[in-house]
Each structure stands twice: as structure tokens, then as C-alpha cells.
Amino acid sequence: MNNFDDILNNTPEQEQNGEQQFSKEDYAAKKRAERDDLFALSSDTASEVANDGGKFRQYMDVQSQFDRYSAVNSLLILAQNPEATRLGSFDHWKNKNASVKTGETGISILEPHEYTKEDGKPGVGYNVKKVFDISQVHTQKMTPDPALPKHSERQIMAALVHRSPVPINGVDALAGGAGAQTNPDTGEISVRRGMEFTDAFSSVSKELAAAELNTKDEPRIDKDFSAYCVSYLLCKKHGVDTSNYNFSEVGKVFEYLDAQEMKGEFQTIRDTFSDISSRMNKQLESQQKTARNNEAR
């Protein structure tokens, strides 16, 4: 990069995204076609993901990286740039004193918006939005983000079980050497004492995910598999080893579902992951605040 790239790369966002001037009707048709193409791409990618264990793990890794994105948008990111690590719009990067590199093609995602239907009822539509990965951006002058706090294993585990929707108790042993089990009659989770952090987190997170899933609509796929997926996502987000997770049988799970149904199940998994993550984040932030207050005394 020369010293003038940040000056010369000041093309308006519309031009960065390849926009041109169209009539109102042509513009609407163009945008409709773009949306249709993206929905089709998400469906094609969902079918690929649901029939290949390796591809499914890739999708799960993308979803864990972009936990605020919908399942459909995570599928679109996977299809267009599976190596992406940090995304932002043209204006997002500009506001951070960074600039999108000349000639870079953005990742197209679908941004929901509310509107009023002709009958006066509210509806949800989607606009195409372009985002760029940090690898597509000149970052030399970028405003640095605050350092993320580091959490101990004990803090992470405490956040996982904080405000659990069901009781959790420790036991000396469980049938089959399981790390955690849920009593089908009471909903209580029993956890084998003495486990290492990785085993404890993965086993408890799976049972908690199952408890969360019980509050949602009846799934089309095995709820145990969905809970297993949520556990994987939570592990990935918090740096817990996931090498023991195996998705080689994923094709059997989604065998009788069409692409739209697959995306619905992916979204349920994502939403359950988000529910538990939100609860954990609040507790971790509370822990940090308490620690800062103690240090200030």
C-alpha cells in the first residue's frame, strides 16, 4: 500500500457496491432479483451443509464467529467468504479510520426491516447489505478497539450455569460414564463431580441447551442433536476444545427436510445459542464490574 490509498479510496458506498442509476421500477426489480439470488444461495448452501459433516462444522464455526447474525446470513458468509473473521459495512470501517481496499467485493447479506402491508398489518422485508471482512480493509490507521476482557475457566463455568432454567446438582457417578444427564421427570440436571473444565463445560452446556430447546416449538430434527450443536457453538465462542465433536452423521439428521426446513432448524439452534450466550455475557460483565469495584477500594 502506498501513502495515498486512504485518500484515493473515498468512493461513495453506492459505487463501492457497484450501484448505478436506475429508474424506480428497474431499481426495484434489480433489488428483488438480488434478494431472490441470496435466498437461493442460502438454500443451496443449507443443503450442502446438511449433507456433509465437514461442511456442517464449517458452518457452525462461522455461526459461532458471527453470533449476532441469523442462520441465513451465516450461510451466506460461508458461501462467499468462509475465512471471514470480522465484518463491517463501508461506513463502519470508514468511521474507524479504515478504508476498504480498491476492487474488493463485499459479502452480500440480508438485512431485515419492518414495513406496513397494504392491509395495515406489520411485515418484515429484507434489503441486500454489503459488508467487508477486515482482510479486505486497510487497517494501518484504524482506531483500535478496547481490549477484550479475559475470563478464567471458573468464571466461564459460573456464567454458564447462572440463572439456569432448571436445577443442577453434583453426583459422584452417572450411568455410562456420562458427564451430565437430565432427569426426564423433574428436568433436573445431574453433573458428575471431578471433571476437567472441557468435559464439564461441554456436557453441562448440552443439557442446558436441551432445557432451552424444550421451551421452543417442537423441532423437525432430533432435539438431542440440536442441543449438541448449541454446545459446540458455546464451546467455540468461549475457547473450549471442540475436537471431540463429530458431525459425520449430519446427513441422516436432515435427510427428510427441504432447504427451507433446514434453515428453520439452523435458526432454532442459533437462537438457543444466542439465548444462553446473552445470559452468560451479562454474568461475565457483572463479574468484571465487581472485580473493578473491588480493585478501586
C-alpha atoms as a PDB file:
ATOM      1  CA  MET A   1       0.000   0.000   0.000  1.00  0.00           C
ATOM      2  CA  ASN A   2       1.306   3.497  -0.821  1.00  0.00           C
ATOM      3  CA  ASN A   3       0.733   6.504   1.401  1.00  0.00           C
ATOM      4  CA  PHE A   4      -2.170   7.801  -0.686  1.00  0.00           C
ATOM      5  CA  ASP A   5      -4.526   4.804  -0.767  1.00  0.00           C
ATOM      6  CA  ASP A   6      -6.647   6.068   2.095  1.00  0.00           C
ATOM      7  CA  ILE A   7      -7.073   9.407   0.313  1.00  0.00           C
ATOM      8  CA  LEU A   8      -7.835   7.972  -3.097  1.00  0.00           C
ATOM      9  CA  ASN A   9     -10.239   5.325  -1.791  1.00  0.00           C
ATOM     10  CA  ASN A  10     -13.106   7.688  -0.985  1.00  0.00           C
ATOM     11  CA  THR A  11     -15.636   6.388  -3.476  1.00  0.00           C
ATOM     12  CA  PRO A  12     -19.193   6.654  -2.164  1.00  0.00           C
ATOM     13  CA  GLU A  13     -20.613   3.408  -0.807  1.00  0.00           C
ATOM     14  CA  GLN A  14     -23.070   3.092  -3.671  1.00  0.00           C
ATOM     15  CA  GLU A  15     -20.194   2.973  -6.151  1.00  0.00           C
ATOM     16  CA  GLN A  16     -18.194   0.618  -3.925  1.00  0.00           C
ATOM     17  CA  ASN A  17     -21.121  -1.760  -4.128  1.00  0.00           C
ATOM     18  CA  GLY A  18     -21.444  -1.353  -7.872  1.00  0.00           C
ATOM     19  CA  GLU A  19     -24.642   0.702  -7.750  1.00  0.00           C
ATOM     20  CA  GLN A  20     -25.694   2.701 -10.787  1.00  0.00           C
ATOM     21  CA  GLN A  21     -28.589   4.968 -11.592  1.00  0.00           C
ATOM     22  CA  PHE A  22     -31.816   3.141 -12.457  1.00  0.00           C
ATOM     23  CA  SER A  23     -35.432   4.099 -12.897  1.00  0.00           C
ATOM     24  CA  LYS A  24     -37.557   3.434  -9.817  1.00  0.00           C
ATOM     25  CA  GLU A  25     -39.104   0.347 -11.407  1.00  0.00           C
ATOM     26  CA  ASP A  26     -35.813  -1.041 -12.699  1.00  0.00           C
ATOM     27  CA  TYR A  27     -34.130  -0.400  -9.375  1.00  0.00           C
ATOM     28  CA  ALA A  28     -36.884  -2.263  -7.507  1.00  0.00           C
ATOM     29  CA  ALA A  29     -36.629  -5.184  -9.936  1.00  0.00           C
ATOM     30  CA  LYS A  30     -32.850  -5.269  -9.564  1.00  0.00           C
ATOM     31  CA  LYS A  31     -33.072  -5.330  -5.783  1.00  0.00           C
ATOM     32  CA  ARG A  32     -35.753  -8.008  -5.865  1.00  0.00           C
ATOM     33  CA  ALA A  33     -33.559 -10.157  -8.094  1.00  0.00           C
ATOM     34  CA  GLU A  34     -30.600  -9.660  -5.731  1.00  0.00           C
ATOM     35  CA  ARG A  35     -32.705 -10.757  -2.757  1.00  0.00           C
ATOM     36  CA  ASP A  36     -34.012 -13.762  -4.619  1.00  0.00           C
ATOM     37  CA  ASP A  37     -30.462 -14.755  -5.589  1.00  0.00           C
ATOM     38  CA  LEU A  38     -29.319 -14.534  -1.977  1.00  0.00           C
ATOM     39  CA  PHE A  39     -32.226 -16.595  -0.665  1.00  0.00           C
ATOM     40  CA  ALA A  40     -31.450 -19.188  -3.348  1.00  0.00           C
ATOM     41  CA  LEU A  41     -27.764 -19.161  -2.381  1.00  0.00           C
ATOM     42  CA  SER A  42     -28.649 -19.649   1.288  1.00  0.00           C
ATOM     43  CA  SER A  43     -30.883 -22.597   0.375  1.00  0.00           C
ATOM     44  CA  ASP A  44     -28.220 -24.225  -1.800  1.00  0.00           C
ATOM     45  CA  THR A  45     -25.643 -23.749   0.950  1.00  0.00           C
ATOM     46  CA  ALA A  46     -28.011 -25.152   3.586  1.00  0.00           C
ATOM     47  CA  SER A  47     -28.438 -28.309   1.511  1.00  0.00           C
ATOM     48  CA  GLU A  48     -24.668 -28.667   1.139  1.00  0.00           C
ATOM     49  CA  VAL A  49     -24.102 -28.086   4.850  1.00  0.00           C
ATOM     50  CA  ALA A  50     -26.779 -30.571   5.902  1.00  0.00           C
ATOM     51  CA  ASN A  51     -25.254 -33.367   3.845  1.00  0.00           C
ATOM     52  CA  ASP A  52     -21.577 -33.051   4.713  1.00  0.00           C
ATOM     53  CA  GLY A  53     -20.129 -33.283   8.217  1.00  0.00           C
ATOM     54  CA  GLY A  54     -17.070 -31.209   7.371  1.00  0.00           C
ATOM     55  CA  LYS A  55     -19.132 -28.512   5.700  1.00  0.00           C
ATOM     56  CA  PHE A  56     -21.541 -28.504   8.631  1.00  0.00           C
ATOM     57  CA  ARG A  57     -18.672 -27.910  11.047  1.00  0.00           C
ATOM     58  CA  GLN A  58     -17.520 -25.039   8.829  1.00  0.00           C
ATOM     59  CA  TYR A  59     -20.968 -23.511   9.009  1.00  0.00           C
ATOM     60  CA  MET A  60     -21.052 -23.922  12.778  1.00  0.00           C
ATOM     61  CA  ASP A  61     -17.682 -22.185  13.054  1.00  0.00           C
ATOM     62  CA  VAL A  62     -18.997 -19.250  11.029  1.00  0.00           C
ATOM     63  CA  GLN A  63     -22.137 -19.047  13.187  1.00  0.00           C
ATOM     64  CA  SER A  64     -20.073 -19.074  16.379  1.00  0.00           C
ATOM     65  CA  GLN A  65     -17.825 -16.319  14.988  1.00  0.00           C
ATOM     66  CA  PHE A  66     -20.800 -14.165  13.972  1.00  0.00           C
ATOM     67  CA  ASP A  67     -23.191 -14.990  16.775  1.00  0.00           C
ATOM     68  CA  ARG A  68     -25.373 -11.927  16.171  1.00  0.00           C
ATOM     69  CA  TYR A  69     -26.037 -12.892  12.573  1.00  0.00           C
ATOM     70  CA  SER A  70     -29.014 -15.015  11.571  1.00  0.00           C
ATOM     71  CA  ALA A  71     -28.569 -18.558  10.318  1.00  0.00           C
ATOM     72  CA  VAL A  72     -29.336 -17.405   6.768  1.00  0.00           C
ATOM     73  CA  ASN A  73     -26.660 -14.708   6.901  1.00  0.00           C
ATOM     74  CA  SER A  74     -24.155 -17.142   8.380  1.00  0.00           C
ATOM     75  CA  LEU A  75     -24.869 -19.458   5.441  1.00  0.00           C
ATOM     76  CA  LEU A  76     -24.294 -16.530   3.067  1.00  0.00           C
ATOM     77  CA  ILE A  77     -20.994 -15.668   4.752  1.00  0.00           C
ATOM     78  CA  LEU A  78     -19.932 -19.305   4.497  1.00  0.00           C
ATOM     79  CA  ALA A  79     -20.796 -19.356   0.787  1.00  0.00           C
ATOM     80  CA  GLN A  80     -18.955 -16.120  -0.033  1.00  0.00           C
ATOM     81  CA  ASN A  81     -16.041 -15.898   2.398  1.00  0.00           C
ATOM     82  CA  PRO A  82     -15.744 -18.776   4.897  1.00  0.00           C
ATOM     83  CA  GLU A  83     -12.465 -17.356   6.236  1.00  0.00           C
ATOM     84  CA  ALA A  84     -14.061 -14.076   7.355  1.00  0.00           C
ATOM     85  CA  THR A  85     -13.341 -13.102  10.945  1.00  0.00           C
ATOM     86  CA  ARG A  86     -14.702  -9.572  11.361  1.00  0.00           C
ATOM     87  CA  LEU A  87     -17.286  -7.841   9.212  1.00  0.00           C
ATOM     88  CA  GLY A  88     -18.435  -4.275   8.777  1.00  0.00           C
ATOM     89  CA  SER A  89     -20.126  -2.069   6.227  1.00  0.00           C
ATOM     90  CA  PHE A  90     -18.230   0.503   4.153  1.00  0.00           C
ATOM     91  CA  ASP A  91     -19.308   3.220   6.596  1.00  0.00           C
ATOM     92  CA  HIS A  92     -18.421   1.081   9.620  1.00  0.00           C
ATOM     93  CA  TRP A  93     -14.807   0.808   8.520  1.00  0.00           C
ATOM     94  CA  LYS A  94     -14.717   4.477   7.484  1.00  0.00           C
ATOM     95  CA  ASN A  95     -15.844   5.503  10.977  1.00  0.00           C
ATOM     96  CA  LYS A  96     -12.925   3.518  12.384  1.00  0.00           C
ATOM     97  CA  ASN A  97     -10.448   5.419  10.185  1.00  0.00           C
ATOM     98  CA  ALA A  98     -10.029   2.364   7.980  1.00  0.00           C
ATOM     99  CA  SER A  99     -10.788   2.029   4.280  1.00  0.00           C
ATOM    100  CA  VAL A 100     -11.929  -0.793   2.048  1.00  0.00           C
ATOM    101  CA  LYS A 101      -9.225  -1.810  -0.396  1.00  0.00           C
ATOM    102  CA  THR A 102      -9.800  -0.823  -4.003  1.00  0.00           C
ATOM    103  CA  GLY A 103     -11.503  -3.528  -6.062  1.00  0.00           C
ATOM    104  CA  GLU A 104     -12.703  -5.610  -3.114  1.00  0.00           C
ATOM    105  CA  THR A 105     -16.085  -7.309  -3.482  1.00  0.00           C
ATOM    106  CA  GLY A 106     -18.263  -7.166  -0.407  1.00  0.00           C
ATOM    107  CA  ILE A 107     -20.127 -10.065   1.141  1.00  0.00           C
ATOM    108  CA  SER A 108     -23.854  -9.755   0.461  1.00  0.00           C
ATOM    109  CA  ILE A 109     -26.169 -10.428   3.389  1.00  0.00           C
ATOM    110  CA  LEU A 110     -29.858  -9.796   4.071  1.00  0.00           C
ATOM    111  CA  GLU A 111     -30.808  -7.040   6.493  1.00  0.00           C
ATOM    112  CA  PRO A 112     -34.366  -7.226   7.866  1.00  0.00           C
ATOM    113  CA  HIS A 113     -36.588  -4.154   8.030  1.00  0.00           C
ATOM    114  CA  GLU A 114     -40.148  -3.593   9.150  1.00  0.00           C
ATOM    115  CA  TYR A 115     -42.818  -2.165   6.877  1.00  0.00           C
ATOM    116  CA  THR A 116     -46.585  -1.781   6.762  1.00  0.00           C
ATOM    117  CA  LYS A 117     -48.506  -4.026   4.400  1.00  0.00           C
ATOM    118  CA  GLU A 118     -51.389  -2.815   2.246  1.00  0.00           C
ATOM    119  CA  ASP A 119     -53.837  -4.211   4.800  1.00  0.00           C
ATOM    120  CA  GLY A 120     -52.192  -2.137   7.508  1.00  0.00           C
ATOM    121  CA  LYS A 121     -50.512  -5.065   9.233  1.00  0.00           C
ATOM    122  CA  PRO A 122     -46.787  -5.017  10.010  1.00  0.00           C
ATOM    123  CA  GLY A 123     -44.458  -7.042   7.835  1.00  0.00           C
ATOM    124  CA  VAL A 124     -40.755  -7.842   7.631  1.00  0.00           C
ATOM    125  CA  GLY A 125     -38.812  -7.362   4.416  1.00  0.00           C
ATOM    126  CA  TYR A 126     -35.146  -7.722   3.555  1.00  0.00           C
ATOM    127  CA  ASN A 127     -32.627  -5.390   1.974  1.00  0.00           C
ATOM    128  CA  VAL A 128     -29.346  -6.518   0.500  1.00  0.00           C
ATOM    129  CA  LYS A 129     -26.426  -5.187   2.525  1.00  0.00           C
ATOM    130  CA  LYS A 130     -22.745  -5.293   1.654  1.00  0.00           C
ATOM    131  CA  VAL A 131     -20.200  -5.988   4.382  1.00  0.00           C
ATOM    132  CA  PHE A 132     -16.440  -6.374   4.158  1.00  0.00           C
ATOM    133  CA  ASP A 133     -14.104  -8.585   6.131  1.00  0.00           C
ATOM    134  CA  ILE A 134     -11.194  -6.985   7.937  1.00  0.00           C
ATOM    135  CA  SER A 135      -8.868  -8.756   5.485  1.00  0.00           C
ATOM    136  CA  GLN A 136     -10.374  -6.512   2.775  1.00  0.00           C
ATOM    137  CA  VAL A 137      -9.578  -3.327   4.656  1.00  0.00           C
ATOM    138  CA  HIS A 138      -6.552  -1.044   5.091  1.00  0.00           C
ATOM    139  CA  THR A 139      -6.138  -1.070   8.872  1.00  0.00           C
ATOM    140  CA  GLN A 140      -2.933   0.941   9.377  1.00  0.00           C
ATOM    141  CA  LYS A 141      -4.794   3.992  10.723  1.00  0.00           C
ATOM    142  CA  MET A 142      -7.752   2.136  12.183  1.00  0.00           C
ATOM    143  CA  THR A 143      -8.956   3.166  15.617  1.00  0.00           C
ATOM    144  CA  PRO A 144      -8.180   0.193  17.880  1.00  0.00           C
ATOM    145  CA  ASP A 145     -10.974  -1.493  19.772  1.00  0.00           C
ATOM    146  CA  PRO A 146     -10.777  -1.810  23.547  1.00  0.00           C
ATOM    147  CA  ALA A 147      -9.059  -4.994  24.662  1.00  0.00           C
ATOM    148  CA  LEU A 148     -11.497  -7.795  25.331  1.00  0.00           C
ATOM    149  CA  PRO A 149     -11.519  -8.992  28.945  1.00  0.00           C
ATOM    150  CA  LYS A 150     -10.083 -12.413  29.659  1.00  0.00           C
ATOM    151  CA  HIS A 151     -12.113 -14.795  31.750  1.00  0.00           C
ATOM    152  CA  SER A 152     -10.960 -17.725  33.822  1.00  0.00           C
ATOM    153  CA  GLU A 153     -12.385 -21.199  33.354  1.00  0.00           C
ATOM    154  CA  ARG A 154     -14.133 -20.845  36.671  1.00  0.00           C
ATOM    155  CA  GLN A 155     -15.770 -17.580  35.604  1.00  0.00           C
ATOM    156  CA  ILE A 156     -16.935 -19.102  32.313  1.00  0.00           C
ATOM    157  CA  MET A 157     -18.415 -22.120  34.047  1.00  0.00           C
ATOM    158  CA  ALA A 158     -20.152 -19.929  36.625  1.00  0.00           C
ATOM    159  CA  ALA A 159     -21.637 -17.827  33.822  1.00  0.00           C
ATOM    160  CA  LEU A 160     -22.875 -20.952  32.024  1.00  0.00           C
ATOM    161  CA  VAL A 161     -24.939 -22.160  34.983  1.00  0.00           C
ATOM    162  CA  HIS A 162     -26.022 -18.690  36.165  1.00  0.00           C
ATOM    163  CA  ARG A 163     -29.816 -18.486  36.232  1.00  0.00           C
ATOM    164  CA  SER A 164     -30.140 -21.941  34.805  1.00  0.00           C
ATOM    165  CA  PRO A 165     -33.756 -22.679  33.814  1.00  0.00           C
ATOM    166  CA  VAL A 166     -33.520 -25.999  35.678  1.00  0.00           C
ATOM    167  CA  PRO A 167     -31.828 -27.142  38.924  1.00  0.00           C
ATOM    168  CA  ILE A 168     -28.270 -28.518  38.670  1.00  0.00           C
ATOM    169  CA  ASN A 169     -26.674 -30.812  41.238  1.00  0.00           C
ATOM    170  CA  GLY A 170     -23.428 -32.738  41.529  1.00  0.00           C
ATOM    171  CA  VAL A 171     -23.281 -36.533  41.811  1.00  0.00           C
ATOM    172  CA  ASP A 172     -20.435 -38.993  42.195  1.00  0.00           C
ATOM    173  CA  ALA A 173     -21.269 -41.107  39.134  1.00  0.00           C
ATOM    174  CA  LEU A 174     -23.686 -41.329  36.207  1.00  0.00           C
ATOM    175  CA  ALA A 175     -24.771 -44.254  34.073  1.00  0.00           C
ATOM    176  CA  GLY A 176     -22.457 -44.975  31.167  1.00  0.00           C
ATOM    177  CA  GLY A 177     -19.848 -42.574  32.494  1.00  0.00           C
ATOM    178  CA  ALA A 178     -21.804 -39.569  31.204  1.00  0.00           C
ATOM    179  CA  GLY A 179     -20.691 -36.133  32.281  1.00  0.00           C
ATOM    180  CA  ALA A 180     -24.212 -34.801  32.744  1.00  0.00           C
ATOM    181  CA  GLN A 181     -27.734 -36.146  32.458  1.00  0.00           C
ATOM    182  CA  THR A 182     -31.218 -34.680  32.687  1.00  0.00           C
ATOM    183  CA  ASN A 183     -33.922 -36.377  34.703  1.00  0.00           C
ATOM    184  CA  PRO A 184     -36.863 -36.678  32.270  1.00  0.00           C
ATOM    185  CA  ASP A 185     -39.394 -36.439  35.090  1.00  0.00           C
ATOM    186  CA  THR A 186     -38.048 -33.446  37.021  1.00  0.00           C
ATOM    187  CA  GLY A 187     -35.878 -31.726  34.394  1.00  0.00           C
ATOM    188  CA  GLU A 188     -33.064 -31.588  36.955  1.00  0.00           C
ATOM    189  CA  ILE A 189     -29.524 -31.855  35.552  1.00  0.00           C
ATOM    190  CA  SER A 190     -27.101 -34.139  37.378  1.00  0.00           C
ATOM    191  CA  VAL A 191     -23.398 -33.454  36.812  1.00  0.00           C
ATOM    192  CA  ARG A 192     -20.584 -35.884  37.562  1.00  0.00           C
ATOM    193  CA  ARG A 193     -18.148 -34.380  40.052  1.00  0.00           C
ATOM    194  CA  GLY A 194     -14.419 -34.104  39.423  1.00  0.00           C
ATOM    195  CA  MET A 195     -14.455 -33.462  35.656  1.00  0.00           C
ATOM    196  CA  GLU A 196     -11.936 -31.275  33.892  1.00  0.00           C
ATOM    197  CA  PHE A 197     -13.187 -27.945  32.581  1.00  0.00           C
ATOM    198  CA  THR A 198     -13.559 -29.022  28.927  1.00  0.00           C
ATOM    199  CA  ASP A 199     -15.622 -32.092  29.782  1.00  0.00           C
ATOM    200  CA  ALA A 200     -17.710 -30.237  32.351  1.00  0.00           C
ATOM    201  CA  PHE A 201     -18.472 -27.296  30.067  1.00  0.00           C
ATOM    202  CA  SER A 202     -19.363 -29.402  27.029  1.00  0.00           C
ATOM    203  CA  SER A 203     -21.580 -31.842  28.926  1.00  0.00           C
ATOM    204  CA  VAL A 204     -23.392 -29.225  31.019  1.00  0.00           C
ATOM    205  CA  SER A 205     -23.885 -26.861  28.068  1.00  0.00           C
ATOM    206  CA  LYS A 206     -25.522 -29.655  26.088  1.00  0.00           C
ATOM    207  CA  GLU A 207     -28.030 -30.398  28.861  1.00  0.00           C
ATOM    208  CA  LEU A 208     -28.756 -26.697  29.354  1.00  0.00           C
ATOM    209  CA  ALA A 209     -29.300 -26.342  25.609  1.00  0.00           C
ATOM    210  CA  ALA A 210     -31.769 -29.225  25.737  1.00  0.00           C
ATOM    211  CA  ALA A 211     -33.631 -27.456  28.548  1.00  0.00           C
ATOM    212  CA  GLU A 212     -33.798 -24.248  26.467  1.00  0.00           C
ATOM    213  CA  LEU A 213     -34.991 -26.179  23.416  1.00  0.00           C
ATOM    214  CA  ASN A 214     -37.839 -27.639  25.456  1.00  0.00           C
ATOM    215  CA  THR A 215     -39.309 -24.129  25.664  1.00  0.00           C
ATOM    216  CA  LYS A 216     -39.387 -23.738  21.860  1.00  0.00           C
ATOM    217  CA  ASP A 217     -41.588 -25.196  19.132  1.00  0.00           C
ATOM    218  CA  GLU A 218     -41.287 -28.913  18.526  1.00  0.00           C
ATOM    219  CA  PRO A 219     -38.313 -29.383  16.199  1.00  0.00           C
ATOM    220  CA  ARG A 220     -38.346 -31.396  12.991  1.00  0.00           C
ATOM    221  CA  ILE A 221     -34.998 -32.945  13.872  1.00  0.00           C
ATOM    222  CA  ASP A 222     -33.683 -34.819  16.893  1.00  0.00           C
ATOM    223  CA  LYS A 223     -33.587 -32.358  19.791  1.00  0.00           C
ATOM    224  CA  ASP A 224     -30.525 -34.109  21.178  1.00  0.00           C
ATOM    225  CA  PHE A 225     -28.627 -33.227  18.006  1.00  0.00           C
ATOM    226  CA  SER A 226     -29.720 -29.593  18.230  1.00  0.00           C
ATOM    227  CA  ALA A 227     -28.511 -29.424  21.835  1.00  0.00           C
ATOM    228  CA  TYR A 228     -25.222 -30.994  20.735  1.00  0.00           C
ATOM    229  CA  CYS A 229     -24.854 -28.234  18.129  1.00  0.00           C
ATOM    230  CA  VAL A 230     -25.610 -25.483  20.645  1.00  0.00           C
ATOM    231  CA  SER A 231     -22.992 -26.951  22.965  1.00  0.00           C
ATOM    232  CA  TYR A 232     -20.448 -26.875  20.119  1.00  0.00           C
ATOM    233  CA  LEU A 233     -21.234 -23.216  19.388  1.00  0.00           C
ATOM    234  CA  LEU A 234     -20.844 -22.258  23.050  1.00  0.00           C
ATOM    235  CA  CYS A 235     -17.532 -24.106  23.248  1.00  0.00           C
ATOM    236  CA  LYS A 236     -16.215 -22.378  20.127  1.00  0.00           C
ATOM    237  CA  LYS A 237     -17.226 -18.961  21.394  1.00  0.00           C
ATOM    238  CA  HIS A 238     -15.506 -19.431  24.757  1.00  0.00           C
ATOM    239  CA  GLY A 239     -12.370 -21.165  23.511  1.00  0.00           C
ATOM    240  CA  VAL A 240     -13.252 -24.612  24.813  1.00  0.00           C
ATOM    241  CA  ASP A 241     -11.738 -27.563  22.918  1.00  0.00           C
ATOM    242  CA  THR A 242     -14.167 -28.977  20.330  1.00  0.00           C
ATOM    243  CA  SER A 243     -12.024 -31.761  18.877  1.00  0.00           C
ATOM    244  CA  ASN A 244     -14.316 -34.465  20.300  1.00  0.00           C
ATOM    245  CA  TYR A 245     -17.411 -33.179  18.493  1.00  0.00           C
ATOM    246  CA  ASN A 246     -18.375 -35.280  15.486  1.00  0.00           C
ATOM    247  CA  PHE A 247     -20.866 -34.292  12.780  1.00  0.00           C
ATOM    248  CA  SER A 248     -20.235 -37.191  10.389  1.00  0.00           C
ATOM    249  CA  GLU A 249     -23.874 -38.381  10.687  1.00  0.00           C
ATOM    250  CA  VAL A 250     -25.404 -34.990   9.923  1.00  0.00           C
ATOM    251  CA  GLY A 251     -26.852 -36.216   6.620  1.00  0.00           C
ATOM    252  CA  LYS A 252     -29.153 -38.622   8.444  1.00  0.00           C
ATOM    253  CA  VAL A 253     -30.426 -35.870  10.725  1.00  0.00           C
ATOM    254  CA  PHE A 254     -31.636 -33.638   7.887  1.00  0.00           C
ATOM    255  CA  GLU A 255     -32.431 -36.433   5.425  1.00  0.00           C
ATOM    256  CA  TYR A 256     -36.146 -35.715   5.034  1.00  0.00           C
ATOM    257  CA  LEU A 257     -36.110 -31.926   5.270  1.00  0.00           C
ATOM    258  CA  ASP A 258     -36.189 -29.431   2.419  1.00  0.00           C
ATOM    259  CA  ALA A 259     -33.854 -26.418   2.371  1.00  0.00           C
ATOM    260  CA  GLN A 260     -36.371 -24.081   3.977  1.00  0.00           C
ATOM    261  CA  GLU A 261     -36.964 -26.505   6.844  1.00  0.00           C
ATOM    262  CA  MET A 262     -33.217 -26.950   7.264  1.00  0.00           C
ATOM    263  CA  LYS A 263     -32.757 -23.204   7.598  1.00  0.00           C
ATOM    264  CA  GLY A 264     -35.529 -23.133  10.170  1.00  0.00           C
ATOM    265  CA  GLU A 265     -33.736 -25.739  12.280  1.00  0.00           C
ATOM    266  CA  PHE A 266     -30.423 -23.904  11.875  1.00  0.00           C
ATOM    267  CA  GLN A 267     -32.135 -20.746  13.136  1.00  0.00           C
ATOM    268  CA  THR A 268     -33.551 -22.560  16.168  1.00  0.00           C
ATOM    269  CA  ILE A 269     -30.052 -23.780  17.020  1.00  0.00           C
ATOM    270  CA  ARG A 270     -28.682 -20.271  16.542  1.00  0.00           C
ATOM    271  CA  ASP A 271     -31.429 -18.693  18.690  1.00  0.00           C
ATOM    272  CA  THR A 272     -30.864 -21.173  21.517  1.00  0.00           C
ATOM    273  CA  PHE A 273     -27.143 -20.473  21.358  1.00  0.00           C
ATOM    274  CA  SER A 274     -27.900 -16.742  21.460  1.00  0.00           C
ATOM    275  CA  ASP A 275     -30.224 -17.082  24.469  1.00  0.00           C
ATOM    276  CA  ILE A 276     -27.597 -18.882  26.538  1.00  0.00           C
ATOM    277  CA  SER A 277     -24.805 -16.600  25.307  1.00  0.00           C
ATOM    278  CA  SER A 278     -26.745 -13.483  26.288  1.00  0.00           C
ATOM    279  CA  ARG A 279     -27.255 -14.823  29.781  1.00  0.00           C
ATOM    280  CA  MET A 280     -23.576 -15.718  30.038  1.00  0.00           C
ATOM    281  CA  ASN A 281     -22.418 -12.341  28.728  1.00  0.00           C
ATOM    282  CA  LYS A 282     -24.465 -10.459  31.318  1.00  0.00           C
ATOM    283  CA  GLN A 283     -22.984 -12.553  34.108  1.00  0.00           C
ATOM    284  CA  LEU A 284     -19.423 -12.194  32.799  1.00  0.00           C
ATOM    285  CA  GLU A 285     -19.885  -8.425  32.570  1.00  0.00           C
ATOM    286  CA  SER A 286     -21.217  -8.411  36.118  1.00  0.00           C
ATOM    287  CA  GLN A 287     -18.167 -10.361  37.270  1.00  0.00           C
ATOM    288  CA  GLN A 288     -15.878  -7.829  35.591  1.00  0.00           C
ATOM    289  CA  LYS A 289     -17.723  -4.901  37.143  1.00  0.00           C
ATOM    290  CA  THR A 290     -17.475  -6.449  40.599  1.00  0.00           C
ATOM    291  CA  ALA A 291     -13.753  -7.070  40.103  1.00  0.00           C
ATOM    292  CA  ARG A 292     -13.176  -3.444  39.044  1.00  0.00           C
ATOM    293  CA  ASN A 293     -15.117  -2.136  42.026  1.00  0.00           C
ATOM    294  CA  ASN A 294     -13.085  -4.315  44.389  1.00  0.00           C
ATOM    295  CA  GLU A 295      -9.832  -3.048  42.858  1.00  0.00           C
ATOM    296  CA  ALA A 296     -10.976   0.564  43.287  1.00  0.00           C
ATOM    297  CA  ARG A 297     -11.491   0.140  47.022  1.00  0.00           C
END
